[in-house]
Each structure stands twice: as structure tokens, then as C-alpha cells.
PDB file of N, CA and C in Angstrom:
ATOM      1  N   UNK A   1     -38.705  25.967  18.656  1.00  0.00           N
ATOM      2  CA  UNK A   1     -37.489  25.172  18.686  1.00  0.00           C
ATOM      3  C   UNK A   1     -36.866  25.155  17.293  1.00  0.00           C
ATOM      4  N   UNK A   2     -35.583  25.408  17.227  1.00  0.00           N
ATOM      5  CA  UNK A   2     -34.870  25.491  15.964  1.00  0.00           C
ATOM      6  C   UNK A   2     -34.067  24.204  15.763  1.00  0.00           C
ATOM      7  N   UNK A   3     -34.420  23.403  14.721  1.00  0.00           N
ATOM      8  CA  UNK A   3     -33.749  22.130  14.459  1.00  0.00           C
ATOM      9  C   UNK A   3     -32.676  22.235  13.383  1.00  0.00           C
ATOM     10  N   UNK A   4     -32.402  23.428  12.915  1.00  0.00           N
ATOM     11  CA  UNK A   4     -31.384  23.591  11.883  1.00  0.00           C
ATOM     12  C   UNK A   4     -29.991  23.460  12.494  1.00  0.00           C
ATOM     13  N   UNK A   5     -29.099  22.725  11.786  1.00  0.00           N
ATOM     14  CA  UNK A   5     -27.727  22.617  12.306  1.00  0.00           C
ATOM     15  C   UNK A   5     -27.027  23.975  12.268  1.00  0.00           C
ATOM     16  N   UNK A   6     -26.178  24.187  13.225  1.00  0.00           N
ATOM     17  CA  UNK A   6     -25.413  25.430  13.277  1.00  0.00           C
ATOM     18  C   UNK A   6     -24.247  25.348  12.298  1.00  0.00           C
ATOM     19  N   UNK A   7     -24.002  26.412  11.609  1.00  0.00           N
ATOM     20  CA  UNK A   7     -22.859  26.490  10.700  1.00  0.00           C
ATOM     21  C   UNK A   7     -21.671  27.035  11.497  1.00  0.00           C
ATOM     22  N   UNK A   8     -20.588  26.253  11.566  1.00  0.00           N
ATOM     23  CA  UNK A   8     -19.434  26.744  12.320  1.00  0.00           C
ATOM     24  C   UNK A   8     -18.800  27.945  11.640  1.00  0.00           C
ATOM     25  N   UNK A   9     -18.142  28.707  12.423  1.00  0.00           N
ATOM     26  CA  UNK A   9     -17.419  29.876  11.931  1.00  0.00           C
ATOM     27  C   UNK A   9     -16.327  29.398  10.971  1.00  0.00           C
ATOM     28  N   UNK A  10     -16.210  29.978   9.786  1.00  0.00           N
ATOM     29  CA  UNK A  10     -15.178  29.544   8.827  1.00  0.00           C
ATOM     30  C   UNK A  10     -13.762  29.607   9.394  1.00  0.00           C
ATOM     31  N   UNK A  11     -13.486  30.531  10.283  1.00  0.00           N
ATOM     32  CA  UNK A  11     -12.138  30.598  10.869  1.00  0.00           C
ATOM     33  C   UNK A  11     -11.873  29.385  11.750  1.00  0.00           C
ATOM     34  N   UNK A  12     -12.927  28.865  12.372  1.00  0.00           N
ATOM     35  CA  UNK A  12     -12.779  27.652  13.188  1.00  0.00           C
ATOM     36  C   UNK A  12     -12.461  26.470  12.279  1.00  0.00           C
ATOM     37  N   UNK A  13     -13.173  26.389  11.152  1.00  0.00           N
ATOM     38  CA  UNK A  13     -12.902  25.321  10.184  1.00  0.00           C
ATOM     39  C   UNK A  13     -11.443  25.356   9.717  1.00  0.00           C
ATOM     40  N   UNK A  14     -10.959  26.541   9.398  1.00  0.00           N
ATOM     41  CA  UNK A  14      -9.573  26.666   8.928  1.00  0.00           C
ATOM     42  C   UNK A  14      -8.577  26.275  10.011  1.00  0.00           C
ATOM     43  N   UNK A  15      -8.849  26.673  11.235  1.00  0.00           N
ATOM     44  CA  UNK A  15      -7.955  26.334  12.344  1.00  0.00           C
ATOM     45  C   UNK A  15      -7.945  24.824  12.583  1.00  0.00           C
ATOM     46  N   UNK A  16      -9.132  24.213  12.575  1.00  0.00           N
ATOM     47  CA  UNK A  16      -9.212  22.770  12.801  1.00  0.00           C
ATOM     48  C   UNK A  16      -8.545  21.997  11.664  1.00  0.00           C
ATOM     49  N   UNK A  17      -8.739  22.442  10.441  1.00  0.00           N
ATOM     50  CA  UNK A  17      -8.097  21.794   9.305  1.00  0.00           C
ATOM     51  C   UNK A  17      -6.582  21.919   9.389  1.00  0.00           C
ATOM     52  N   UNK A  18      -6.112  23.072   9.778  1.00  0.00           N
ATOM     53  CA  UNK A  18      -4.672  23.273   9.949  1.00  0.00           C
ATOM     54  C   UNK A  18      -4.123  22.344  11.036  1.00  0.00           C
ATOM     55  N   UNK A  19      -4.853  22.220  12.130  1.00  0.00           N
ATOM     56  CA  UNK A  19      -4.428  21.324  13.206  1.00  0.00           C
ATOM     57  C   UNK A  19      -4.399  19.871  12.741  1.00  0.00           C
ATOM     58  N   UNK A  20      -5.402  19.469  11.964  1.00  0.00           N
ATOM     59  CA  UNK A  20      -5.423  18.100  11.442  1.00  0.00           C
ATOM     60  C   UNK A  20      -4.236  17.834  10.531  1.00  0.00           C
ATOM     61  N   UNK A  21      -3.916  18.802   9.675  1.00  0.00           N
ATOM     62  CA  UNK A  21      -2.767  18.633   8.776  1.00  0.00           C
ATOM     63  C   UNK A  21      -1.472  18.525   9.564  1.00  0.00           C
ATOM     64  N   UNK A  22      -1.327  19.368  10.575  1.00  0.00           N
ATOM     65  CA  UNK A  22      -0.119  19.319  11.420  1.00  0.00           C
ATOM     66  C   UNK A  22      -0.022  17.977  12.150  1.00  0.00           C
ATOM     67  N   UNK A  23      -1.144  17.524  12.693  1.00  0.00           N
ATOM     68  CA  UNK A  23      -1.151  16.243  13.399  1.00  0.00           C
ATOM     69  C   UNK A  23      -0.795  15.086  12.469  1.00  0.00           C
ATOM     70  N   UNK A  24      -1.315  15.143  11.237  1.00  0.00           N
ATOM     71  CA  UNK A  24      -0.988  14.098  10.273  1.00  0.00           C
ATOM     72  C   UNK A  24       0.511  14.076   9.992  1.00  0.00           C
ATOM     73  N   UNK A  25       1.116  15.244   9.822  1.00  0.00           N
ATOM     74  CA  UNK A  25       2.549  15.315   9.564  1.00  0.00           C
ATOM     75  C   UNK A  25       3.358  14.832  10.764  1.00  0.00           C
ATOM     76  N   UNK A  26       2.904  15.177  11.967  1.00  0.00           N
ATOM     77  CA  UNK A  26       3.605  14.713  13.164  1.00  0.00           C
ATOM     78  C   UNK A  26       3.538  13.195  13.277  1.00  0.00           C
ATOM     79  N   UNK A  27       2.383  12.623  12.979  1.00  0.00           N
ATOM     80  CA  UNK A  27       2.238  11.161  13.024  1.00  0.00           C
ATOM     81  C   UNK A  27       3.116  10.515  11.959  1.00  0.00           C
ATOM     82  N   UNK A  28       3.158  11.106  10.775  1.00  0.00           N
ATOM     83  CA  UNK A  28       4.013  10.577   9.715  1.00  0.00           C
ATOM     84  C   UNK A  28       5.485  10.627  10.125  1.00  0.00           C
ATOM     85  N   UNK A  29       5.902  11.710  10.765  1.00  0.00           N
ATOM     86  CA  UNK A  29       7.285  11.838  11.236  1.00  0.00           C
ATOM     87  C   UNK A  29       7.588  10.776  12.293  1.00  0.00           C
ATOM     88  N   UNK A  30       6.655  10.556  13.200  1.00  0.00           N
ATOM     89  CA  UNK A  30       6.850   9.517  14.219  1.00  0.00           C
ATOM     90  C   UNK A  30       6.958   8.138  13.583  1.00  0.00           C
ATOM     91  N   UNK A  31       6.158   7.903  12.568  1.00  0.00           N
ATOM     92  CA  UNK A  31       6.233   6.626  11.855  1.00  0.00           C
ATOM     93  C   UNK A  31       7.593   6.416  11.228  1.00  0.00           C
ATOM     94  N   UNK A  32       8.146   7.473  10.646  1.00  0.00           N
ATOM     95  CA  UNK A  32       9.479   7.372  10.043  1.00  0.00           C
ATOM     96  C   UNK A  32      10.554   7.145  11.105  1.00  0.00           C
ATOM     97  N   UNK A  33      10.410   7.799  12.248  1.00  0.00           N
ATOM     98  CA  UNK A  33      11.358   7.578  13.343  1.00  0.00           C
ATOM     99  C   UNK A  33      11.269   6.145  13.849  1.00  0.00           C
ATOM    100  N   UNK A  34      10.059   5.628  13.921  1.00  0.00           N
ATOM    101  CA  UNK A  34       9.860   4.240  14.344  1.00  0.00           C
ATOM    102  C   UNK A  34      10.510   3.292  13.339  1.00  0.00           C
ATOM    103  N   UNK A  35      10.352   3.564  12.046  1.00  0.00           N
ATOM    104  CA  UNK A  35      10.995   2.752  11.009  1.00  0.00           C
ATOM    105  C   UNK A  35      12.509   2.754  11.180  1.00  0.00           C
ATOM    106  N   UNK A  36      13.069   3.913  11.533  1.00  0.00           N
ATOM    107  CA  UNK A  36      14.515   4.009  11.737  1.00  0.00           C
ATOM    108  C   UNK A  36      14.967   3.142  12.916  1.00  0.00           C
ATOM    109  N   UNK A  37      14.218   3.169  13.991  1.00  0.00           N
ATOM    110  CA  UNK A  37      14.540   2.336  15.161  1.00  0.00           C
ATOM    111  C   UNK A  37      14.482   0.858  14.780  1.00  0.00           C
ATOM    112  N   UNK A  38      13.447   0.474  14.049  1.00  0.00           N
ATOM    113  CA  UNK A  38      13.331  -0.918  13.621  1.00  0.00           C
ATOM    114  C   UNK A  38      14.492  -1.318  12.720  1.00  0.00           C
ATOM    115  N   UNK A  39      14.906  -0.428  11.838  1.00  0.00           N
ATOM    116  CA  UNK A  39      16.032  -0.719  10.948  1.00  0.00           C
ATOM    117  C   UNK A  39      17.318  -0.925  11.755  1.00  0.00           C
ATOM    118  N   UNK A  40      17.493  -0.137  12.799  1.00  0.00           N
ATOM    119  CA  UNK A  40      18.692  -0.299  13.641  1.00  0.00           C
ATOM    120  C   UNK A  40      18.668  -1.641  14.367  1.00  0.00           C
ATOM    121  N   UNK A  41      17.491  -2.023  14.870  1.00  0.00           N
ATOM    122  CA  UNK A  41      17.379  -3.332  15.519  1.00  0.00           C
ATOM    123  C   UNK A  41      17.644  -4.453  14.518  1.00  0.00           C
ATOM    124  N   UNK A  42      17.101  -4.329  13.308  1.00  0.00           N
ATOM    125  CA  UNK A  42      17.341  -5.340  12.280  1.00  0.00           C
ATOM    126  C   UNK A  42      18.827  -5.464  11.977  1.00  0.00           C
ATOM    127  N   UNK A  43      19.510  -4.337  11.874  1.00  0.00           N
ATOM    128  CA  UNK A  43      20.949  -4.361  11.606  1.00  0.00           C
ATOM    129  C   UNK A  43      21.709  -5.022  12.751  1.00  0.00           C
ATOM    130  N   UNK A  44      21.333  -4.720  13.968  1.00  0.00           N
ATOM    131  CA  UNK A  44      21.985  -5.335  15.129  1.00  0.00           C
ATOM    132  C   UNK A  44      21.782  -6.851  15.118  1.00  0.00           C
ATOM    133  N   UNK A  45      20.583  -7.286  14.791  1.00  0.00           N
ATOM    134  CA  UNK A  45      20.287  -8.724  14.726  1.00  0.00           C
ATOM    135  C   UNK A  45      21.116  -9.379  13.625  1.00  0.00           C
ATOM    136  N   UNK A  46      21.234  -8.719  12.455  1.00  0.00           N
ATOM    137  CA  UNK A  46      22.057  -9.262  11.368  1.00  0.00           C
ATOM    138  C   UNK A  46      23.521  -9.378  11.792  1.00  0.00           C
ATOM    139  N   UNK A  47      24.023  -8.355  12.467  1.00  0.00           N
ATOM    140  CA  UNK A  47      25.413  -8.385  12.919  1.00  0.00           C
ATOM    141  C   UNK A  47      25.646  -9.515  13.920  1.00  0.00           C
ATOM    142  N   UNK A  48      24.730  -9.696  14.844  1.00  0.00           N
ATOM    143  CA  UNK A  48      24.868 -10.774  15.824  1.00  0.00           C
ATOM    144  C   UNK A  48      24.845 -12.135  15.137  1.00  0.00           C
ATOM    145  N   UNK A  49      23.959 -12.300  14.166  1.00  0.00           N
ATOM    146  CA  UNK A  49      23.872 -13.560  13.441  1.00  0.00           C
ATOM    147  C   UNK A  49      25.161 -13.822  12.681  1.00  0.00           C
ATOM    148  N   UNK A  50      25.680 -12.780  12.018  1.00  0.00           N
ATOM    149  CA  UNK A  50      26.929 -12.926  11.281  1.00  0.00           C
ATOM    150  C   UNK A  50      28.066 -13.320  12.225  1.00  0.00           C
ATOM    151  N   UNK A  51      28.141 -12.709  13.384  1.00  0.00           N
ATOM    152  CA  UNK A  51      29.184 -13.049  14.353  1.00  0.00           C
ATOM    153  C   UNK A  51      29.063 -14.504  14.812  1.00  0.00           C
ATOM    154  N   UNK A  52      27.828 -14.956  15.031  1.00  0.00           N
ATOM    155  CA  UNK A  52      27.642 -16.363  15.442  1.00  0.00           C
ATOM    156  C   UNK A  52      28.080 -17.311  14.333  1.00  0.00           C
ATOM    157  N   UNK A  53      27.756 -16.973  13.090  1.00  0.00           N
ATOM    158  CA  UNK A  53      28.142 -17.823  11.965  1.00  0.00           C
ATOM    159  C   UNK A  53      29.657 -17.837  11.819  1.00  0.00           C
ATOM    160  N   UNK A  54      30.282 -16.662  11.909  1.00  0.00           N
ATOM    161  CA  UNK A  54      31.740 -16.598  11.790  1.00  0.00           C
ATOM    162  C   UNK A  54      32.413 -17.371  12.922  1.00  0.00           C
ATOM    163  N   UNK A  55      31.862 -17.300  14.115  1.00  0.00           N
ATOM    164  CA  UNK A  55      32.415 -18.053  15.240  1.00  0.00           C
ATOM    165  C   UNK A  55      32.296 -19.547  14.985  1.00  0.00           C
ATOM    166  N   UNK A  56      31.148 -19.982  14.467  1.00  0.00           N
ATOM    167  CA  UNK A  56      30.962 -21.398  14.156  1.00  0.00           C
ATOM    168  C   UNK A  56      31.919 -21.840  13.059  1.00  0.00           C
ATOM    169  N   UNK A  57      32.112 -20.996  12.041  1.00  0.00           N
ATOM    170  CA  UNK A  57      33.043 -21.347  10.966  1.00  0.00           C
ATOM    171  C   UNK A  57      34.475 -21.433  11.472  1.00  0.00           C
ATOM    172  N   UNK A  58      34.824 -20.579  12.419  1.00  0.00           N
ATOM    173  CA  UNK A  58      36.193 -20.601  12.934  1.00  0.00           C
ATOM    174  C   UNK A  58      36.470 -21.899  13.687  1.00  0.00           C
ATOM    175  N   UNK A  59      35.447 -22.523  14.238  1.00  0.00           N
ATOM    176  CA  UNK A  59      35.636 -23.805  14.916  1.00  0.00           C
ATOM    177  C   UNK A  59      36.045 -24.891  13.930  1.00  0.00           C
ATOM    178  N   UNK A  60      35.594 -24.802  12.685  1.00  0.00           N
ATOM    179  CA  UNK A  60      35.958 -25.780  11.667  1.00  0.00           C
ATOM    180  C   UNK A  60      37.403 -25.586  11.207  1.00  0.00           C
ATOM    181  N   UNK A  61      37.882 -24.347  11.275  1.00  0.00           N
ATOM    182  CA  UNK A  61      39.237 -24.054  10.818  1.00  0.00           C
ATOM    183  C   UNK A  61      40.288 -24.512  11.824  1.00  0.00           C
ATOM    184  N   UNK A  62      39.910 -24.690  13.067  1.00  0.00           N
ATOM    185  CA  UNK A  62      40.895 -25.070  14.099  1.00  0.00           C
ATOM    186  C   UNK A  62      41.071 -26.518  14.160  1.00  0.00           C
TER     187      UNK A  62
END
């Protein structure tokens, strides 16, 4: 019985490392896209708040 660990083929190591790097970049890109969506929601919320404040202020002017 042979208890020595098998050494993977170096080409397999390179392929797996390349896949990991690509996956990391894809996840990073998704994170940036998610940040963009959140920024758009934040802007929409700010605009709605500003409109409510302006509407309330206009009631004082009348």
C-alpha cells in the first residue's frame, strides 16, 4: 500500500490557478456592479427626500 500523496500534474495546477484568478475577477466585477446598483438606490432615496422637503417648504410659502 502506497501512502504517499500524489503530485498533481503541473498543467492542472496552472489551469486551476488560472480559473481561480478569473473567478476572483468575476466576483470583484459583480461586487462593483452591486455597488453601482446601491448607489443608484441611494440617489433615488435622496431625490425623494429632497422632493418631500421641498413640498413641505412650499406649504409654508402659501
